[in-house]
Protein backbone atom coordinates (compact mmCIF):
# COMPACT_ATOMS: atom_id res chain seq x y z
CA MET A 1 -0.50 62.04 18.47
CA SER A 2 2.56 63.78 19.34
CA GLY A 3 5.52 63.26 15.98
CA GLY A 4 7.91 61.77 18.72
CA CYS A 5 5.51 59.09 19.58
CA LEU A 6 4.57 58.20 15.36
CA SER A 7 8.33 58.44 14.92
CA VAL A 8 8.88 55.57 17.57
CA ARG A 9 5.78 53.77 15.90
CA ALA A 10 7.20 54.30 12.57
CA THR A 11 10.38 52.48 13.63
CA ALA A 12 8.99 49.72 15.23
CA ARG A 13 6.84 49.05 12.75
CA LEU A 14 9.87 48.69 10.10
CA ALA A 15 11.92 46.46 12.55
CA VAL A 16 9.02 44.11 13.19
CA ALA A 17 8.26 43.89 8.99
CA GLY A 18 11.79 43.48 8.52
CA VAL A 19 11.64 40.14 11.07
CA LEU A 20 8.09 38.79 9.50
CA GLU A 21 10.03 38.92 5.83
CA PHE A 22 12.88 37.11 7.74
CA LEU A 23 10.19 34.45 8.63
CA ASP A 24 8.96 34.89 5.27
CA CYS A 25 5.39 35.78 6.42
CA THR A 26 3.15 38.36 4.19
CA PHE A 27 1.87 41.65 5.65
CA ARG A 28 -1.80 42.59 5.44
CA GLY A 29 -2.53 45.56 7.70
CA ARG A 30 -6.39 45.70 9.69
CA ARG A 31 -7.22 48.71 11.47
CA GLU A 32 -9.01 47.52 15.10
CA PRO A 33 -12.28 49.60 16.67
CA PRO A 34 -11.08 52.58 18.62
CA GLY A 35 -10.89 52.13 22.48
CA THR A 36 -9.51 48.93 22.68
CA LYS A 37 -7.24 48.09 26.10
CA GLU A 38 -4.57 46.30 25.70
CA PRO A 39 -0.63 46.88 26.11
CA ALA A 40 0.61 49.52 24.07
CA TRP A 41 2.99 47.36 22.61
CA ARG A 42 2.22 43.52 21.99
CA LEU A 43 3.97 41.12 19.68
CA THR A 44 2.29 37.93 18.70
CA VAL A 45 4.43 35.21 16.68
CA ALA A 46 2.70 32.03 15.98
CA PRO A 47 4.30 29.77 13.28
CA LEU A 48 4.59 31.05 9.51
CA GLY A 49 1.58 32.58 8.25
CA SER A 50 0.27 36.16 7.27
CA ILE A 51 -0.07 38.86 9.35
CA VAL A 52 -4.00 38.80 10.38
CA GLY A 53 -4.27 42.12 13.02
CA TRP A 54 -2.63 45.69 12.88
CA SER A 55 -3.73 48.70 15.52
CA THR A 56 -3.51 51.90 15.46
CA ASN A 57 -3.36 52.63 19.17
CA GLN A 58 -1.21 49.54 19.64
CA CYS A 59 1.12 47.90 17.74
CA ARG A 60 -0.19 44.44 17.55
CA ILE A 61 0.63 41.88 15.26
CA VAL A 62 -0.42 38.00 15.25
CA VAL A 63 0.61 35.49 12.60
CA ARG A 64 -1.71 32.98 12.12
CA ALA A 65 -0.23 29.50 12.32
CA SER A 66 -1.19 28.21 8.37
CA ASN A 67 1.24 26.22 7.10
CA THR A 68 3.47 25.19 10.10
CA GLU A 69 3.39 21.31 9.35
CA GLN A 70 4.16 21.86 5.96
CA ARG A 71 7.03 23.61 5.87
CA ARG A 72 8.31 21.12 9.28
CA ALA A 73 7.78 18.43 6.31
CA GLN A 74 9.67 20.37 3.84
CA ILE A 75 12.68 20.71 6.42
CA ALA A 76 12.46 16.74 7.55
CA GLU A 77 12.42 15.87 3.21
CA ALA A 78 15.70 18.05 3.00
CA LEU A 79 17.39 16.36 5.46
CA LEU A 80 16.68 12.97 3.96
CA SER A 81 18.05 13.74 0.78
CA LEU A 82 21.07 14.77 2.49
CA MET A 83 21.56 12.21 4.48
CA ALA A 84 21.40 9.75 1.80
CA LYS A 85 24.19 11.56 0.30
CA ARG A 86 26.42 12.94 3.65
CA GLY A 87 25.24 11.13 6.21
CA TYR A 88 23.60 12.23 9.42
CA GLU A 89 26.72 14.00 10.33
CA GLY A 90 27.39 15.35 6.90
CA ALA A 91 24.55 17.69 7.27
CA SER A 92 24.67 20.51 9.16
CA ILE A 93 21.65 22.86 9.65
CA VAL A 94 23.18 24.98 6.51
CA ALA A 95 23.04 22.63 4.21
CA ILE A 96 19.76 21.53 5.32
CA ALA A 97 17.98 25.24 4.73
CA LYS A 98 20.40 25.06 1.17
CA GLN A 99 18.78 21.93 0.31
CA ALA A 100 15.10 23.21 1.28
CA ARG A 101 15.55 26.51 0.08
CA LEU A 102 14.64 28.15 2.76
CA ALA A 103 16.95 30.78 5.19
CA PRO A 104 19.15 28.50 8.18
CA GLY A 105 16.43 31.02 10.61
CA LEU A 106 13.81 29.98 9.18
CA VAL A 107 15.15 26.10 10.12
CA HIS A 108 16.03 27.15 13.95
CA TYR A 109 12.68 28.49 14.02
CA HIS A 110 10.66 25.42 13.77
CA PHE A 111 13.23 23.17 15.08
CA GLU A 112 15.68 23.49 18.05
CA SER A 113 17.93 21.05 16.77
CA LYS A 114 19.29 18.85 13.89
CA LEU A 115 17.79 15.94 16.44
CA GLU A 116 14.46 16.95 16.67
CA ILE A 117 14.73 17.37 12.45
CA LEU A 118 15.62 13.79 12.19
CA LEU A 119 13.02 13.11 14.86
CA GLU A 120 10.25 14.46 12.79
CA ALA A 121 12.33 12.86 9.37
CA VAL A 122 11.70 9.36 11.27
CA GLY A 123 8.24 10.08 11.31
CA LEU A 124 7.59 10.89 8.06
CA LEU A 125 9.75 8.38 6.38
CA ALA A 126 7.64 5.81 8.71
CA ASP A 127 4.27 6.90 8.06
CA ARG A 128 5.37 6.77 3.87
CA HIS A 129 6.29 3.28 4.45
CA LEU A 130 3.26 2.29 6.54
CA ALA A 131 1.25 4.09 3.73
CA ILE A 132 2.74 1.80 1.54
CA LEU A 133 2.84 -1.20 2.65
CA ASP A 134 -1.07 -0.98 3.60
CA GLY A 135 -1.72 -0.47 0.15
CA ALA A 136 -0.34 -3.89 -0.97
CA LEU A 137 -1.95 -5.68 2.27
CA ALA A 138 -5.02 -4.31 1.19
CA ALA A 139 -5.07 -5.78 -2.54
CA ALA A 140 -3.57 -8.93 -0.92
CA GLU A 141 -6.88 -11.04 -0.20
CA ALA A 142 -5.57 -14.38 1.90
CA PRO A 143 -3.04 -14.08 4.72
CA PRO A 144 -0.33 -16.41 2.56
CA ALA A 145 -0.84 -13.46 -0.55
CA GLN A 146 -0.47 -11.11 1.95
CA VAL A 147 3.08 -12.18 3.93
CA ALA A 148 4.19 -12.61 -0.05
CA ALA A 149 2.71 -8.55 -0.19
CA PHE A 150 4.65 -7.83 3.04
CA VAL A 151 7.93 -9.49 1.74
CA GLU A 152 7.77 -7.95 -1.47
CA VAL A 153 6.80 -4.31 -0.34
CA HIS A 154 10.16 -4.49 1.53
CA LEU A 155 12.61 -6.26 -0.23
CA GLY A 156 11.17 -7.08 -3.88
CA LEU A 157 12.68 -5.25 -7.07
CA GLY A 158 10.38 -2.49 -8.89
CA ALA A 159 7.26 -0.41 -8.09
CA HIS A 160 8.28 -0.32 -4.12
CA ALA A 161 12.49 0.29 -4.26
CA ASP A 162 13.19 3.63 -3.11
CA PRO A 163 17.73 3.79 -2.53
CA VAL A 164 17.09 7.06 -0.58
CA ALA A 165 14.42 5.45 1.49
CA LEU A 166 16.49 2.62 2.28
CA ALA A 167 19.65 4.73 2.80
CA CYS A 168 18.05 6.85 5.58
CA TRP A 169 16.49 3.78 6.83
CA VAL A 170 19.65 2.25 7.50
CA LEU A 171 21.63 5.31 8.83
CA ILE A 172 18.76 5.91 11.23
CA GLY A 173 18.95 2.28 12.48
CA GLY A 174 22.61 3.35 13.07
CA GLU A 175 21.55 6.88 15.10
CA ALA A 176 19.32 4.25 16.74
CA LEU A 177 22.25 2.83 18.62
CA ARG A 178 23.65 6.52 19.83
CA GLU A 179 20.48 8.06 20.25
CA ARG A 180 17.81 7.41 23.33
CA ARG A 181 15.25 9.61 21.25
CA VAL A 182 16.11 8.29 17.80
CA GLN A 183 15.88 4.57 19.39
CA ALA A 184 12.15 5.41 20.73
CA ALA A 185 11.26 6.14 17.18
CA TYR A 186 12.71 3.76 15.36
CA GLU A 187 11.34 0.78 17.71
CA ARG A 188 7.73 2.58 17.44
CA ALA A 189 8.48 2.38 13.79
CA ILE A 190 9.42 -1.28 13.89
CA ALA A 191 6.66 -2.54 16.27
CA ALA A 192 3.92 -0.66 13.61
CA ILE A 193 5.57 -2.82 10.98
CA SER A 194 5.76 -5.77 13.02
CA ALA A 195 2.12 -5.63 14.33
CA ARG A 196 0.92 -5.70 10.59
CA LEU A 197 2.92 -9.35 10.00
CA VAL A 198 1.47 -10.47 13.53
CA ALA A 199 -2.14 -9.64 12.38
CA ILE A 200 -1.68 -11.68 9.13
CA ILE A 201 -0.32 -14.54 10.52
CA GLU A 202 -3.05 -14.96 13.11
CA ARG A 203 -5.67 -14.61 10.72
CA GLY A 204 -3.84 -17.02 9.09
CA VAL A 205 -3.58 -19.60 11.59
CA ALA A 206 -7.38 -18.90 12.54
CA ASP A 207 -8.37 -19.87 8.85
CA ARG A 208 -6.03 -22.73 8.60
CA SER A 209 -3.73 -21.51 5.53
CA PHE A 210 -0.80 -21.35 8.35
CA ALA A 211 -0.04 -24.13 10.51
CA ARG A 212 -0.97 -23.61 14.22
CA VAL A 213 2.33 -21.43 15.21
CA GLU A 214 2.86 -18.83 17.21
CA PRO A 215 2.55 -15.41 15.34
CA ALA A 216 4.46 -12.65 16.87
CA GLY A 217 7.89 -14.82 17.30
CA CYS A 218 7.04 -15.88 14.08
CA ALA A 219 6.64 -11.90 12.81
CA ALA A 220 10.09 -11.28 14.71
CA ALA A 221 11.97 -13.64 12.70
CA LEU A 222 10.68 -12.49 9.26
CA VAL A 223 10.93 -8.44 10.01
CA ALA A 224 14.43 -9.19 11.16
CA ALA A 225 15.23 -11.30 8.63
CA VAL A 226 13.75 -8.29 6.15
CA GLN A 227 15.89 -5.63 8.39
CA GLY A 228 18.81 -7.45 8.26
CA TYR A 229 18.66 -8.02 4.33
CA LEU A 230 18.20 -3.54 4.15
CA VAL A 231 21.59 -3.25 5.94
CA VAL A 232 23.79 -5.98 3.87
CA VAL A 233 22.32 -4.35 0.57
CA ALA A 234 22.60 -1.03 1.61
CA THR A 235 26.04 -1.56 3.37
CA ALA A 236 27.43 -4.67 1.07
CA ARG A 237 25.60 -5.18 -1.79
CA ASP A 238 28.03 -7.15 -3.97
CA VAL A 239 27.25 -9.84 -0.92
CA VAL A 240 23.50 -10.56 -1.99
CA PRO A 241 23.02 -11.91 -5.39
CA SER A 242 20.10 -9.56 -7.59
CA GLY A 243 16.75 -10.70 -6.84
CA THR A 244 17.35 -13.14 -4.34
CA ALA A 245 16.22 -11.51 -1.47
CA ALA A 246 12.51 -11.71 -1.13
CA THR A 247 12.58 -15.16 -2.81
CA CYS A 248 15.19 -16.55 0.22
CA VAL A 249 12.73 -14.90 2.80
CA LEU A 250 9.80 -16.08 1.27
CA ARG A 251 11.33 -19.57 1.51
CA MET A 252 11.72 -18.85 5.61
CA ALA A 253 7.96 -17.65 5.60
CA GLU A 254 7.32 -20.86 4.58
CA GLY A 255 9.68 -23.00 6.87
CA LEU A 256 8.14 -21.03 9.76
CA LEU A 257 4.23 -20.70 8.38
CA ARG A 258 4.04 -24.35 6.66
CA PRO A 259 1.28 -22.50 4.50
CA ASP A 260 -1.25 -24.47 2.56
CA ARG A 261 0.01 -23.12 -0.68
CA PRO A 262 3.45 -21.83 -2.23
CA LEU A 263 4.09 -18.01 -0.97
CA VAL A 264 4.82 -16.42 -4.45
CA ILE A 265 4.82 -12.74 -5.22
CA ALA A 266 2.53 -11.92 -7.46
CA ARG A 267 3.33 -10.00 -10.61
CA ARG A 268 2.14 -6.56 -10.97
CA ARG A 269 -0.05 -5.68 -14.26
CA ARG A 270 2.01 -3.09 -16.55
């Protein structure tokens, strides 16, 4: 091995190490068996992780994808936190990176644009909400109790109240009016929520705890009422007297579904 070759490799190694440090990766060296026929220089950088290969005959670095999803979620969470305070337009990439405690370059590494982060955030917010909703529905047995639980999750006070999520959801609805991809993601989330309510109403019609109604139409009316309340509460809170939103939507549901018993939100045990 000539002295000139060593100098070039040493320089390249330092440069690559600097790039990887910037990507928040850790270095771990390992020699490969001699005689491996590969290009003299090859750099393969996958999402964040640790270096798993280094050869003296080839400068080959492979970064293992170990925490890409966690990092993407971290960045999306940072956007949601900023949106609740500044709105979508007020959340720059630099501000998102600072909120996530990451370098701006690392944010760009995981997302091509702020829109891509927003789409990730919509999915994150929707999945979290559906998990909460499914848990509440599972705890209620009969369809009337499940309709009440559905309304309570969205409009009730207390355990499920999340001002940050509410503010972000309303802002996302506004972005859905302007951006086609956001609209598609927003529509998928609303469709998933509606599908759960349709299934509840269908079971209620089948066991006669509800009148013979059209499930999809009734579900759409109730979801629209819920979404409308969310927008009004987020933008003109004083218009809605405290504690009335859930009760009023329950009365609407009773008029639509004509249940065999009053729809009442179950009190939580302390």
